[in-house]
Each structure stands twice: as C-alpha cells, then as structure tokens.
Amino acid sequence: MNGNFRVVIAGGGRVGHRTAEMLDDRGHDVVIIESDPDKADDLSDDYIATVIEGDATRPSILTQADLERTDVVAALTATTGTNLATCMMAEQLTSDIQTVVRTEREPQDEFDQFVDNVIFPERAGARAAANAIEMDVSSLEDVTGELDIMEIRVHEDAPVAGRTLSDIALPRGSLIVSDAEGDHIAGPETTLEPDETYVVAAEPDVMDEVMNLMRG
C-alpha cells in the first residue's frame, strides 16, 4: 500500500482509539464507527478521525463509511464475533478491501480463511493493530511511551529516495537509526535506497512529516 490511505476502525475503545491516533499521526484518513453515544462524542472531540455513531455490524451503518474509497477495515471492538461479522460484511459490500480482526484469545489459524490479518492486541497493544493495518511501516511492539520506533520502507517516488542523510532535512524530533543492512548506525553519508527498509525513531507530532518524506 503506497502513500496515505483510508482506514475504517470499528470500535473506539482503548485499542481502537490508540490505533486511530497512531494512524492519524502518520497522515492517514481515519474513520471510527462507535456504538456508544458518549464514547462517540468523546472521540469526535479528539479530532483524530471522522466518527460515525452506530453498530458496525449493520450494513446501513457500515456503508456510511464509504467503503468504496476505503483501503482497510479494522474491527477492533472487545468482541471477536462482532469483529468477524464486521469484516465479513465489509468484504461482501465492496471488493478489494483489506480486513483486520481483533480477537479475545490467541487465534492460531482459525480465522485466516475469512480475513486478511488477525491480531491479539492484549499482548502488544495498539501498535500490533497499526502494524496489521499498515503494510510498509512496522512499529516495534515492545516500545513504551510516546516515542515511536519503526521500520519504514522507502518508496521509489519518496522525496528522500536515493539521497544521503546529509542532503535531507529531517524534522526535529526524528532520527534515522540504522542503514538498510542494519549493520551500522546511520550517518550523514547513508543513502536512503528505494525499496529498502530503515529503522526510524520519531516523536508523534512529526510523524506525518517523516512519513511524507519516506513514503511520498
């Protein structure tokens, strides 16, 4: 998945809310469907996503999210059955959409035939959900605090592709940690090669700018 994309999150609880925050920081277009009116109001006040109040398992609610323009549906409520139903319905309503289901227990392989990705986020938090949604960016799941440490693949048409770090104005609060091989700490002479992956550390308020530089 290249560049920024559109993701619909079913469930605005702890995992859904934090996942939406991470994706919004990375510059993506996020929609949250939340059935609890009070929680939906709180999410709207956060201004991290478009919020739809309602039950995501109902076609009339799910279609309000404009699935034809959506790249990913991630069902992140606390109930496995609800999440599975939401994703299976989304696949029936539109074609060529990626689906992510949160489960209440270790899933093994039982849901693989129904959805694209299965996560068990109690083990790793919202970073696991964001990793399942965004294919070219992988946050290190065991990192605590607000600082995000990620592996990011440089796209061919990205502003930094083929340039050395000495020629790139990275935003304050961000750092390229390692080169493409992972054998050396990145330095001014390091060239960011297209289609190679680099370890990047960034603060949340500069995440969008870093993503634009490395992914276009």
N, C-alpha and C. Protein backbone atom coordinates (compact mmCIF):
# COMPACT_ATOMS: atom_id res chain seq x y z
N MET A 1 0.85 -1.18 0.00
CA MET A 1 0.00 0.00 0.00
C MET A 1 0.89 1.24 0.00
N ASN A 2 0.80 2.05 -1.05
CA ASN A 2 1.69 3.19 -1.17
C ASN A 2 1.02 4.47 -0.68
N GLY A 3 1.81 5.36 -0.07
CA GLY A 3 1.32 6.64 0.36
C GLY A 3 0.29 6.54 1.46
N ASN A 4 -0.50 7.61 1.62
CA ASN A 4 -1.52 7.62 2.65
C ASN A 4 -2.75 6.87 2.17
N PHE A 5 -3.48 6.30 3.10
CA PHE A 5 -4.66 5.54 2.73
C PHE A 5 -5.79 5.78 3.73
N ARG A 6 -6.93 5.18 3.44
CA ARG A 6 -8.13 5.39 4.24
C ARG A 6 -8.47 4.11 4.99
N VAL A 7 -8.66 4.23 6.29
CA VAL A 7 -8.96 3.06 7.12
C VAL A 7 -10.19 3.33 7.97
N VAL A 8 -11.08 2.34 8.02
CA VAL A 8 -12.27 2.40 8.87
C VAL A 8 -12.04 1.49 10.06
N ILE A 9 -12.14 2.04 11.26
CA ILE A 9 -11.96 1.27 12.50
C ILE A 9 -13.32 1.09 13.17
N ALA A 10 -13.69 -0.15 13.39
CA ALA A 10 -14.91 -0.45 14.13
C ALA A 10 -14.54 -0.64 15.59
N GLY A 11 -15.04 0.24 16.45
CA GLY A 11 -14.73 0.17 17.88
C GLY A 11 -13.80 1.28 18.30
N GLY A 12 -14.30 2.17 19.14
CA GLY A 12 -13.49 3.31 19.59
C GLY A 12 -13.04 3.17 21.03
N GLY A 13 -12.86 1.95 21.51
CA GLY A 13 -12.34 1.72 22.85
C GLY A 13 -10.85 1.99 22.92
N ARG A 14 -10.21 1.44 23.95
CA ARG A 14 -8.78 1.72 24.16
C ARG A 14 -7.93 1.37 22.94
N VAL A 15 -8.10 0.18 22.40
CA VAL A 15 -7.28 -0.26 21.27
C VAL A 15 -7.64 0.53 20.01
N GLY A 16 -8.94 0.67 19.73
CA GLY A 16 -9.34 1.39 18.54
C GLY A 16 -8.94 2.85 18.56
N HIS A 17 -9.09 3.49 19.74
CA HIS A 17 -8.74 4.90 19.88
C HIS A 17 -7.24 5.13 19.66
N ARG A 18 -6.42 4.32 20.33
CA ARG A 18 -4.98 4.50 20.21
C ARG A 18 -4.49 4.17 18.80
N THR A 19 -5.08 3.15 18.18
CA THR A 19 -4.71 2.82 16.79
C THR A 19 -5.04 3.98 15.87
N ALA A 20 -6.21 4.58 16.06
CA ALA A 20 -6.60 5.74 15.25
C ALA A 20 -5.62 6.89 15.44
N GLU A 21 -5.18 7.12 16.69
CA GLU A 21 -4.21 8.19 16.95
C GLU A 21 -2.90 7.94 16.19
N MET A 22 -2.44 6.69 16.23
CA MET A 22 -1.18 6.37 15.55
C MET A 22 -1.30 6.56 14.05
N LEU A 23 -2.40 6.11 13.47
CA LEU A 23 -2.59 6.24 12.02
C LEU A 23 -2.78 7.69 11.62
N ASP A 24 -3.47 8.47 12.46
CA ASP A 24 -3.64 9.89 12.17
C ASP A 24 -2.29 10.60 12.22
N ASP A 25 -1.45 10.25 13.21
CA ASP A 25 -0.11 10.84 13.29
C ASP A 25 0.69 10.56 12.03
N ARG A 26 0.42 9.42 11.39
CA ARG A 26 1.15 9.04 10.18
C ARG A 26 0.52 9.59 8.91
N GLY A 27 -0.52 10.40 9.07
CA GLY A 27 -1.09 11.11 7.93
C GLY A 27 -2.20 10.40 7.19
N HIS A 28 -2.74 9.33 7.77
CA HIS A 28 -3.78 8.58 7.09
C HIS A 28 -5.18 9.14 7.41
N ASP A 29 -6.13 8.84 6.55
CA ASP A 29 -7.52 9.25 6.71
C ASP A 29 -8.25 8.18 7.50
N VAL A 30 -8.71 8.50 8.69
CA VAL A 30 -9.28 7.50 9.61
C VAL A 30 -10.75 7.80 9.89
N VAL A 31 -11.57 6.74 9.86
CA VAL A 31 -12.97 6.81 10.26
C VAL A 31 -13.18 5.80 11.39
N ILE A 32 -13.85 6.22 12.47
CA ILE A 32 -14.18 5.32 13.58
C ILE A 32 -15.69 5.14 13.65
N ILE A 33 -16.12 3.88 13.73
CA ILE A 33 -17.53 3.58 13.97
C ILE A 33 -17.65 3.11 15.42
N GLU A 34 -18.45 3.81 16.21
CA GLU A 34 -18.59 3.51 17.64
C GLU A 34 -20.07 3.52 18.02
N SER A 35 -20.53 2.47 18.70
CA SER A 35 -21.94 2.33 19.03
C SER A 35 -22.35 3.10 20.29
N ASP A 36 -21.42 3.37 21.19
CA ASP A 36 -21.74 4.06 22.42
C ASP A 36 -21.79 5.58 22.17
N PRO A 37 -22.97 6.22 22.37
CA PRO A 37 -23.09 7.65 22.05
C PRO A 37 -22.10 8.54 22.80
N ASP A 38 -21.91 8.28 24.09
CA ASP A 38 -20.98 9.11 24.88
C ASP A 38 -19.55 8.95 24.38
N LYS A 39 -19.17 7.72 24.11
CA LYS A 39 -17.82 7.47 23.62
C LYS A 39 -17.62 8.09 22.24
N ALA A 40 -18.66 8.02 21.40
CA ALA A 40 -18.59 8.63 20.07
C ALA A 40 -18.39 10.14 20.18
N ASP A 41 -19.08 10.77 21.13
CA ASP A 41 -18.91 12.22 21.33
C ASP A 41 -17.48 12.55 21.77
N ASP A 42 -16.94 11.74 22.69
CA ASP A 42 -15.57 11.98 23.15
C ASP A 42 -14.57 11.84 22.01
N LEU A 43 -14.78 10.83 21.16
CA LEU A 43 -13.88 10.62 20.02
C LEU A 43 -13.96 11.80 19.05
N SER A 44 -15.16 12.32 18.84
CA SER A 44 -15.32 13.48 17.95
C SER A 44 -14.56 14.69 18.49
N ASP A 45 -14.55 14.85 19.80
CA ASP A 45 -13.85 15.98 20.41
C ASP A 45 -12.34 15.88 20.26
N ASP A 46 -11.82 14.66 20.02
CA ASP A 46 -10.37 14.47 19.88
C ASP A 46 -9.86 14.89 18.51
N TYR A 47 -10.75 14.97 17.52
CA TYR A 47 -10.38 15.41 16.17
C TYR A 47 -9.28 14.55 15.54
N ILE A 48 -9.29 13.25 15.81
CA ILE A 48 -8.31 12.36 15.17
C ILE A 48 -8.93 11.57 14.03
N ALA A 49 -10.26 11.60 13.92
CA ALA A 49 -10.93 10.79 12.92
C ALA A 49 -12.35 11.30 12.70
N THR A 50 -12.90 10.94 11.55
CA THR A 50 -14.33 11.11 11.34
C THR A 50 -15.04 10.03 12.16
N VAL A 51 -16.06 10.40 12.92
CA VAL A 51 -16.73 9.46 13.81
C VAL A 51 -18.16 9.21 13.34
N ILE A 52 -18.53 7.95 13.21
CA ILE A 52 -19.89 7.54 12.88
C ILE A 52 -20.45 6.79 14.08
N GLU A 53 -21.56 7.26 14.61
CA GLU A 53 -22.19 6.59 15.74
C GLU A 53 -23.12 5.50 15.24
N GLY A 54 -22.91 4.27 15.70
CA GLY A 54 -23.76 3.17 15.28
C GLY A 54 -23.08 1.83 15.39
N ASP A 55 -23.81 0.78 15.05
CA ASP A 55 -23.35 -0.60 15.12
C ASP A 55 -22.71 -0.99 13.78
N ALA A 56 -21.43 -1.26 13.80
CA ALA A 56 -20.70 -1.55 12.56
C ALA A 56 -21.13 -2.86 11.90
N THR A 57 -21.86 -3.71 12.61
CA THR A 57 -22.33 -4.96 12.00
C THR A 57 -23.60 -4.74 11.18
N ARG A 58 -24.15 -3.54 11.22
CA ARG A 58 -25.33 -3.23 10.41
C ARG A 58 -24.89 -2.62 9.08
N PRO A 59 -25.35 -3.19 7.95
CA PRO A 59 -24.95 -2.67 6.64
C PRO A 59 -25.26 -1.18 6.47
N SER A 60 -26.37 -0.71 7.02
CA SER A 60 -26.74 0.70 6.87
C SER A 60 -25.75 1.62 7.55
N ILE A 61 -25.10 1.14 8.61
CA ILE A 61 -24.08 1.93 9.30
C ILE A 61 -22.74 1.80 8.59
N LEU A 62 -22.37 0.59 8.24
CA LEU A 62 -21.07 0.35 7.62
C LEU A 62 -20.94 1.07 6.29
N THR A 63 -22.03 1.13 5.52
CA THR A 63 -21.95 1.80 4.22
C THR A 63 -21.80 3.32 4.37
N GLN A 64 -22.15 3.88 5.53
CA GLN A 64 -21.94 5.32 5.74
C GLN A 64 -20.46 5.68 5.72
N ALA A 65 -19.60 4.68 5.94
CA ALA A 65 -18.15 4.93 5.96
C ALA A 65 -17.56 5.02 4.57
N ASP A 66 -18.41 4.88 3.54
CA ASP A 66 -17.94 4.99 2.14
C ASP A 66 -16.85 3.96 1.85
N LEU A 67 -17.24 2.68 1.89
CA LEU A 67 -16.29 1.60 1.73
C LEU A 67 -15.60 1.58 0.37
N GLU A 68 -16.25 2.12 -0.64
CA GLU A 68 -15.65 2.11 -1.98
C GLU A 68 -14.35 2.92 -2.01
N ARG A 69 -14.20 3.87 -1.10
CA ARG A 69 -12.97 4.68 -1.03
C ARG A 69 -12.03 4.19 0.07
N THR A 70 -12.37 3.09 0.70
CA THR A 70 -11.62 2.62 1.88
C THR A 70 -10.63 1.53 1.51
N ASP A 71 -9.43 1.61 2.08
CA ASP A 71 -8.40 0.60 1.83
C ASP A 71 -8.45 -0.53 2.85
N VAL A 72 -8.74 -0.20 4.12
CA VAL A 72 -8.70 -1.19 5.20
C VAL A 72 -9.90 -1.02 6.12
N VAL A 73 -10.53 -2.13 6.51
CA VAL A 73 -11.49 -2.14 7.60
C VAL A 73 -10.87 -2.93 8.74
N ALA A 74 -10.70 -2.29 9.89
CA ALA A 74 -10.11 -2.92 11.06
C ALA A 74 -11.16 -2.97 12.16
N ALA A 75 -11.62 -4.17 12.50
CA ALA A 75 -12.63 -4.33 13.54
C ALA A 75 -11.92 -4.60 14.86
N LEU A 76 -11.95 -3.61 15.78
CA LEU A 76 -11.13 -3.64 16.99
C LEU A 76 -11.96 -3.54 18.26
N THR A 77 -13.22 -3.98 18.21
CA THR A 77 -14.02 -4.00 19.43
C THR A 77 -13.50 -5.11 20.34
N ALA A 78 -14.07 -5.22 21.54
CA ALA A 78 -13.63 -6.24 22.50
C ALA A 78 -14.26 -7.60 22.26
N THR A 79 -15.12 -7.72 21.23
CA THR A 79 -15.85 -8.96 20.98
C THR A 79 -15.45 -9.56 19.64
N THR A 80 -14.90 -10.76 19.66
CA THR A 80 -14.41 -11.40 18.43
C THR A 80 -15.52 -11.57 17.41
N GLY A 81 -16.70 -12.04 17.85
CA GLY A 81 -17.80 -12.28 16.92
C GLY A 81 -18.22 -11.02 16.20
N THR A 82 -18.29 -9.92 16.92
CA THR A 82 -18.65 -8.63 16.32
C THR A 82 -17.61 -8.23 15.28
N ASN A 83 -16.35 -8.39 15.61
CA ASN A 83 -15.27 -8.02 14.70
C ASN A 83 -15.29 -8.86 13.42
N LEU A 84 -15.48 -10.16 13.59
CA LEU A 84 -15.50 -11.03 12.43
C LEU A 84 -16.69 -10.71 11.53
N ALA A 85 -17.85 -10.48 12.13
CA ALA A 85 -19.05 -10.15 11.36
C ALA A 85 -18.86 -8.84 10.59
N THR A 86 -18.23 -7.86 11.22
CA THR A 86 -18.00 -6.57 10.57
C THR A 86 -17.12 -6.72 9.34
N CYS A 87 -16.03 -7.47 9.48
CA CYS A 87 -15.09 -7.62 8.36
C CYS A 87 -15.68 -8.46 7.22
N MET A 88 -16.40 -9.51 7.58
CA MET A 88 -17.01 -10.35 6.54
C MET A 88 -18.09 -9.57 5.79
N MET A 89 -18.82 -8.70 6.48
CA MET A 89 -19.82 -7.88 5.82
C MET A 89 -19.15 -6.85 4.91
N ALA A 90 -18.05 -6.26 5.38
CA ALA A 90 -17.34 -5.29 4.55
C ALA A 90 -16.88 -5.92 3.24
N GLU A 91 -16.40 -7.16 3.31
CA GLU A 91 -15.94 -7.84 2.11
C GLU A 91 -17.10 -8.16 1.17
N GLN A 92 -18.28 -8.34 1.72
CA GLN A 92 -19.46 -8.57 0.88
C GLN A 92 -19.94 -7.27 0.22
N LEU A 93 -19.76 -6.16 0.92
CA LEU A 93 -20.27 -4.89 0.43
C LEU A 93 -19.37 -4.25 -0.61
N THR A 94 -18.08 -4.58 -0.58
CA THR A 94 -17.15 -3.99 -1.55
C THR A 94 -16.03 -4.96 -1.84
N SER A 95 -15.40 -4.81 -2.98
CA SER A 95 -14.31 -5.69 -3.36
C SER A 95 -12.97 -5.01 -3.10
N ASP A 96 -11.91 -5.81 -3.08
CA ASP A 96 -10.54 -5.29 -2.97
C ASP A 96 -10.36 -4.42 -1.74
N ILE A 97 -10.71 -4.97 -0.57
CA ILE A 97 -10.53 -4.26 0.69
C ILE A 97 -9.79 -5.17 1.66
N GLN A 98 -8.87 -4.62 2.41
CA GLN A 98 -8.12 -5.40 3.40
C GLN A 98 -8.88 -5.40 4.72
N THR A 99 -8.89 -6.55 5.40
CA THR A 99 -9.63 -6.65 6.66
C THR A 99 -8.72 -7.11 7.79
N VAL A 100 -8.93 -6.52 8.97
CA VAL A 100 -8.15 -6.84 10.17
C VAL A 100 -9.12 -7.10 11.31
N VAL A 101 -8.96 -8.23 11.99
CA VAL A 101 -9.84 -8.61 13.09
C VAL A 101 -9.05 -8.71 14.39
N ARG A 102 -9.58 -8.11 15.44
CA ARG A 102 -9.04 -8.27 16.79
C ARG A 102 -9.76 -9.45 17.46
N THR A 103 -9.00 -10.32 18.12
CA THR A 103 -9.60 -11.47 18.80
C THR A 103 -9.37 -11.38 20.31
N GLU A 104 -10.17 -12.12 21.04
CA GLU A 104 -10.08 -12.12 22.50
C GLU A 104 -9.07 -13.15 23.02
N ARG A 105 -8.61 -14.02 22.15
CA ARG A 105 -7.67 -15.07 22.55
C ARG A 105 -6.71 -15.34 21.40
N GLU A 106 -5.64 -16.07 21.67
CA GLU A 106 -4.68 -16.42 20.62
C GLU A 106 -5.41 -17.10 19.47
N PRO A 107 -5.39 -16.53 18.26
CA PRO A 107 -6.24 -17.02 17.19
C PRO A 107 -5.75 -18.25 16.45
N GLN A 108 -4.45 -18.53 16.49
CA GLN A 108 -3.86 -19.58 15.66
C GLN A 108 -4.25 -19.33 14.20
N ASP A 109 -4.83 -20.30 13.50
CA ASP A 109 -5.14 -20.10 12.08
C ASP A 109 -6.63 -20.17 11.77
N GLU A 110 -7.48 -20.16 12.79
CA GLU A 110 -8.89 -20.46 12.55
C GLU A 110 -9.63 -19.40 11.76
N PHE A 111 -9.14 -18.15 11.74
CA PHE A 111 -9.86 -17.09 11.02
C PHE A 111 -9.18 -16.71 9.70
N ASP A 112 -8.09 -17.36 9.35
CA ASP A 112 -7.31 -16.95 8.19
C ASP A 112 -8.10 -16.99 6.89
N GLN A 113 -9.05 -17.90 6.78
CA GLN A 113 -9.81 -18.02 5.53
C GLN A 113 -10.86 -16.92 5.39
N PHE A 114 -11.13 -16.18 6.47
CA PHE A 114 -12.18 -15.18 6.44
C PHE A 114 -11.67 -13.75 6.35
N VAL A 115 -10.48 -13.47 6.90
CA VAL A 115 -9.95 -12.11 6.94
C VAL A 115 -8.48 -12.11 6.56
N ASP A 116 -7.93 -10.91 6.33
CA ASP A 116 -6.54 -10.80 5.88
C ASP A 116 -5.54 -10.87 7.04
N ASN A 117 -5.89 -10.24 8.17
CA ASN A 117 -4.98 -10.22 9.32
C ASN A 117 -5.75 -10.40 10.61
N VAL A 118 -5.17 -11.15 11.54
CA VAL A 118 -5.77 -11.37 12.86
C VAL A 118 -4.77 -10.90 13.91
N ILE A 119 -5.25 -10.11 14.87
CA ILE A 119 -4.35 -9.61 15.92
C ILE A 119 -4.93 -9.96 17.29
N PHE A 120 -4.02 -10.10 18.24
CA PHE A 120 -4.38 -10.36 19.64
C PHE A 120 -3.73 -9.25 20.46
N PRO A 121 -4.32 -8.04 20.44
CA PRO A 121 -3.60 -6.85 20.91
C PRO A 121 -3.38 -6.76 22.40
N GLU A 122 -4.05 -7.57 23.22
CA GLU A 122 -3.74 -7.52 24.63
C GLU A 122 -2.27 -7.86 24.87
N ARG A 123 -1.68 -8.56 23.93
CA ARG A 123 -0.27 -8.93 24.05
C ARG A 123 0.64 -7.77 23.68
N ALA A 124 0.21 -6.89 22.80
CA ALA A 124 1.14 -5.89 22.29
C ALA A 124 0.54 -4.50 22.14
N GLY A 125 -0.74 -4.31 22.44
CA GLY A 125 -1.34 -3.00 22.37
C GLY A 125 -1.65 -2.54 20.97
N ALA A 126 -1.94 -1.24 20.83
CA ALA A 126 -2.38 -0.69 19.56
C ALA A 126 -1.32 -0.78 18.47
N ARG A 127 -0.04 -0.86 18.85
CA ARG A 127 1.00 -0.98 17.83
C ARG A 127 0.80 -2.23 16.98
N ALA A 128 0.32 -3.32 17.60
CA ALA A 128 0.05 -4.54 16.84
C ALA A 128 -1.03 -4.30 15.81
N ALA A 129 -2.06 -3.55 16.20
CA ALA A 129 -3.15 -3.25 15.27
C ALA A 129 -2.65 -2.37 14.12
N ALA A 130 -1.88 -1.33 14.45
CA ALA A 130 -1.36 -0.46 13.40
C ALA A 130 -0.45 -1.22 12.44
N ASN A 131 0.34 -2.14 12.96
CA ASN A 131 1.22 -2.93 12.10
C ASN A 131 0.42 -3.80 11.14
N ALA A 132 -0.69 -4.35 11.61
CA ALA A 132 -1.51 -5.20 10.75
C ALA A 132 -2.21 -4.40 9.67
N ILE A 133 -2.51 -3.13 9.96
CA ILE A 133 -3.21 -2.28 9.01
C ILE A 133 -2.26 -1.72 7.96
N GLU A 134 -1.08 -1.27 8.40
CA GLU A 134 -0.16 -0.55 7.51
C GLU A 134 1.00 -1.46 7.12
N MET A 135 1.05 -1.86 5.86
CA MET A 135 1.97 -2.90 5.44
C MET A 135 3.44 -2.46 5.37
N ASP A 136 3.70 -1.22 5.00
CA ASP A 136 5.08 -0.78 4.77
C ASP A 136 5.72 -0.14 5.98
N VAL A 137 4.98 -0.06 7.09
CA VAL A 137 5.51 0.54 8.32
C VAL A 137 5.23 -0.41 9.46
N SER A 138 6.27 -0.73 10.23
CA SER A 138 6.10 -1.66 11.35
C SER A 138 6.70 -1.06 12.61
N SER A 139 5.83 -0.72 13.58
CA SER A 139 6.31 -0.21 14.86
C SER A 139 6.83 -1.37 15.70
N LEU A 140 7.88 -1.12 16.48
CA LEU A 140 8.37 -2.13 17.41
C LEU A 140 7.38 -2.22 18.57
N GLU A 141 6.77 -3.39 18.75
CA GLU A 141 5.62 -3.51 19.62
C GLU A 141 5.94 -3.41 21.10
N ASP A 142 7.18 -3.67 21.51
CA ASP A 142 7.51 -3.67 22.92
C ASP A 142 7.97 -2.31 23.44
N VAL A 143 8.00 -1.30 22.56
CA VAL A 143 8.43 0.03 22.97
C VAL A 143 7.34 0.68 23.82
N THR A 144 7.74 1.31 24.93
CA THR A 144 6.78 2.02 25.77
C THR A 144 6.91 3.51 25.57
N GLY A 145 5.94 4.27 26.09
CA GLY A 145 5.98 5.71 25.96
C GLY A 145 5.48 6.17 24.60
N GLU A 146 5.61 7.47 24.34
CA GLU A 146 5.06 8.07 23.13
C GLU A 146 5.99 7.97 21.94
N LEU A 147 7.30 7.90 22.17
CA LEU A 147 8.24 7.81 21.07
C LEU A 147 7.99 6.53 20.27
N ASP A 148 7.87 6.68 18.94
CA ASP A 148 7.61 5.52 18.09
C ASP A 148 8.91 5.13 17.38
N ILE A 149 9.27 3.87 17.47
CA ILE A 149 10.43 3.33 16.76
C ILE A 149 9.90 2.34 15.74
N MET A 150 10.19 2.61 14.47
CA MET A 150 9.55 1.88 13.39
C MET A 150 10.55 1.41 12.36
N GLU A 151 10.13 0.41 11.60
CA GLU A 151 10.82 0.02 10.37
C GLU A 151 9.97 0.55 9.22
N ILE A 152 10.56 1.39 8.36
CA ILE A 152 9.83 2.02 7.26
C ILE A 152 10.53 1.72 5.95
N ARG A 153 9.75 1.27 4.98
CA ARG A 153 10.30 1.02 3.65
C ARG A 153 10.20 2.31 2.82
N VAL A 154 11.32 2.71 2.19
CA VAL A 154 11.35 3.90 1.35
C VAL A 154 10.72 3.60 0.00
N HIS A 155 9.73 4.37 -0.40
CA HIS A 155 9.10 4.18 -1.70
C HIS A 155 9.94 4.81 -2.81
N GLU A 156 9.75 4.30 -4.00
CA GLU A 156 10.55 4.77 -5.15
C GLU A 156 10.39 6.26 -5.40
N ASP A 157 9.16 6.78 -5.22
CA ASP A 157 8.90 8.19 -5.52
C ASP A 157 8.95 9.08 -4.28
N ALA A 158 9.50 8.57 -3.18
CA ALA A 158 9.59 9.37 -1.95
C ALA A 158 10.61 10.49 -2.10
N PRO A 159 10.41 11.63 -1.44
CA PRO A 159 11.37 12.74 -1.54
C PRO A 159 12.79 12.37 -1.12
N VAL A 160 12.95 11.38 -0.22
CA VAL A 160 14.29 11.04 0.27
C VAL A 160 14.96 9.94 -0.55
N ALA A 161 14.24 9.31 -1.45
CA ALA A 161 14.76 8.15 -2.19
C ALA A 161 16.01 8.51 -2.97
N GLY A 162 17.10 7.75 -2.73
CA GLY A 162 18.34 7.95 -3.45
C GLY A 162 19.20 9.09 -2.93
N ARG A 163 18.80 9.70 -1.81
CA ARG A 163 19.56 10.83 -1.27
C ARG A 163 20.24 10.43 0.02
N THR A 164 21.35 11.12 0.33
CA THR A 164 22.05 10.86 1.59
C THR A 164 21.40 11.67 2.71
N LEU A 165 21.65 11.25 3.96
CA LEU A 165 21.08 11.96 5.08
C LEU A 165 21.60 13.39 5.19
N SER A 166 22.81 13.62 4.70
CA SER A 166 23.36 14.98 4.74
C SER A 166 22.59 15.92 3.83
N ASP A 167 21.86 15.37 2.84
CA ASP A 167 21.09 16.19 1.90
C ASP A 167 19.62 16.32 2.30
N ILE A 168 19.24 15.68 3.39
CA ILE A 168 17.83 15.62 3.78
C ILE A 168 17.61 16.42 5.06
N ALA A 169 16.56 17.22 5.06
CA ALA A 169 16.21 17.99 6.25
C ALA A 169 15.13 17.24 7.02
N LEU A 170 15.57 16.31 7.88
CA LEU A 170 14.61 15.60 8.71
C LEU A 170 14.04 16.55 9.76
N PRO A 171 12.77 16.40 10.11
CA PRO A 171 12.19 17.29 11.12
C PRO A 171 12.82 17.05 12.49
N ARG A 172 12.90 18.10 13.28
CA ARG A 172 13.40 17.98 14.65
C ARG A 172 12.49 17.02 15.41
N GLY A 173 13.10 16.10 16.15
CA GLY A 173 12.33 15.09 16.86
C GLY A 173 12.25 13.78 16.11
N SER A 174 13.09 13.63 15.07
CA SER A 174 13.14 12.37 14.32
C SER A 174 14.58 11.99 14.03
N LEU A 175 14.80 10.69 13.81
CA LEU A 175 16.16 10.18 13.62
C LEU A 175 16.12 8.89 12.82
N ILE A 176 16.98 8.79 11.79
CA ILE A 176 17.19 7.52 11.11
C ILE A 176 18.24 6.77 11.92
N VAL A 177 17.88 5.60 12.45
CA VAL A 177 18.75 4.89 13.38
C VAL A 177 19.76 4.02 12.67
N SER A 178 19.30 3.20 11.73
CA SER A 178 20.24 2.26 11.08
C SER A 178 20.11 2.31 9.58
N ASP A 179 21.18 1.83 8.91
CA ASP A 179 21.15 1.78 7.46
C ASP A 179 20.33 0.58 7.01
N ALA A 180 20.24 0.41 5.69
CA ALA A 180 19.38 -0.62 5.12
C ALA A 180 19.77 -2.02 5.56
N GLU A 181 21.06 -2.27 5.76
CA GLU A 181 21.52 -3.60 6.15
C GLU A 181 21.34 -3.87 7.63
N GLY A 182 21.17 -2.81 8.42
CA GLY A 182 21.02 -2.98 9.85
C GLY A 182 22.31 -3.29 10.56
N ASP A 183 23.46 -3.12 9.88
CA ASP A 183 24.76 -3.43 10.46
C ASP A 183 25.44 -2.22 11.09
N HIS A 184 25.03 -1.02 10.69
CA HIS A 184 25.71 0.19 11.15
C HIS A 184 24.70 1.26 11.51
N ILE A 185 25.08 2.10 12.46
CA ILE A 185 24.29 3.29 12.77
C ILE A 185 24.34 4.22 11.56
N ALA A 186 23.19 4.75 11.18
CA ALA A 186 23.14 5.64 10.02
C ALA A 186 23.88 6.93 10.31
N GLY A 187 24.58 7.45 9.28
CA GLY A 187 25.32 8.70 9.39
C GLY A 187 25.04 9.59 8.21
N PRO A 188 25.68 10.75 8.16
CA PRO A 188 25.42 11.70 7.06
C PRO A 188 25.63 11.10 5.68
N GLU A 189 26.53 10.10 5.58
CA GLU A 189 26.83 9.51 4.28
C GLU A 189 25.83 8.41 3.87
N THR A 190 24.93 8.03 4.78
CA THR A 190 23.98 6.96 4.50
C THR A 190 23.00 7.40 3.41
N THR A 191 22.86 6.58 2.36
CA THR A 191 21.92 6.85 1.29
C THR A 191 20.65 6.05 1.52
N LEU A 192 19.52 6.70 1.46
CA LEU A 192 18.23 6.03 1.63
C LEU A 192 17.79 5.46 0.29
N GLU A 193 18.02 4.17 0.14
CA GLU A 193 17.76 3.50 -1.12
C GLU A 193 16.28 3.14 -1.27
N PRO A 194 15.72 3.31 -2.49
CA PRO A 194 14.32 2.93 -2.72
C PRO A 194 14.11 1.44 -2.44
N ASP A 195 12.95 1.12 -1.88
CA ASP A 195 12.54 -0.25 -1.58
C ASP A 195 13.36 -0.90 -0.47
N GLU A 196 14.23 -0.15 0.21
CA GLU A 196 14.94 -0.67 1.37
C GLU A 196 14.24 -0.18 2.64
N THR A 197 14.46 -0.90 3.73
CA THR A 197 13.79 -0.60 4.99
C THR A 197 14.79 -0.06 6.00
N TYR A 198 14.37 0.98 6.74
CA TYR A 198 15.24 1.64 7.71
C TYR A 198 14.54 1.73 9.07
N VAL A 199 15.33 1.70 10.14
CA VAL A 199 14.79 1.89 11.49
C VAL A 199 14.76 3.38 11.77
N VAL A 200 13.58 3.87 12.15
CA VAL A 200 13.36 5.30 12.34
C VAL A 200 12.74 5.53 13.73
N ALA A 201 13.23 6.54 14.43
CA ALA A 201 12.62 6.96 15.69
C ALA A 201 12.03 8.35 15.48
N ALA A 202 10.79 8.54 15.97
CA ALA A 202 10.14 9.84 15.75
C ALA A 202 9.15 10.13 16.87
N GLU A 203 9.03 11.41 17.18
CA GLU A 203 8.01 11.86 18.12
C GLU A 203 6.69 12.00 17.38
N PRO A 204 5.56 11.83 18.09
CA PRO A 204 4.25 11.81 17.41
C PRO A 204 3.95 13.05 16.58
N ASP A 205 4.38 14.23 17.03
CA ASP A 205 3.98 15.45 16.32
C ASP A 205 4.74 15.66 15.01
N VAL A 206 5.78 14.86 14.74
CA VAL A 206 6.48 14.96 13.45
C VAL A 206 6.30 13.71 12.61
N MET A 207 5.47 12.77 13.08
CA MET A 207 5.30 11.51 12.38
C MET A 207 4.80 11.71 10.95
N ASP A 208 3.82 12.59 10.77
CA ASP A 208 3.25 12.82 9.45
C ASP A 208 4.31 13.30 8.47
N GLU A 209 5.17 14.23 8.92
CA GLU A 209 6.22 14.76 8.04
C GLU A 209 7.24 13.68 7.68
N VAL A 210 7.61 12.84 8.66
CA VAL A 210 8.54 11.75 8.38
C VAL A 210 7.96 10.77 7.36
N MET A 211 6.68 10.43 7.52
CA MET A 211 6.03 9.51 6.59
C MET A 211 5.99 10.09 5.18
N ASN A 212 5.70 11.37 5.06
CA ASN A 212 5.67 12.00 3.73
C ASN A 212 7.04 11.98 3.08
N LEU A 213 8.09 12.18 3.86
CA LEU A 213 9.44 12.17 3.31
C LEU A 213 9.85 10.78 2.83
N MET A 214 9.47 9.74 3.57
CA MET A 214 9.96 8.39 3.26
C MET A 214 9.02 7.58 2.38
N ARG A 215 7.74 8.02 2.29
CA ARG A 215 6.78 7.24 1.55
C ARG A 215 6.13 8.01 0.41
N GLY A 216 6.32 9.32 0.38
CA GLY A 216 5.75 10.08 -0.72
C GLY A 216 4.28 10.40 -0.55
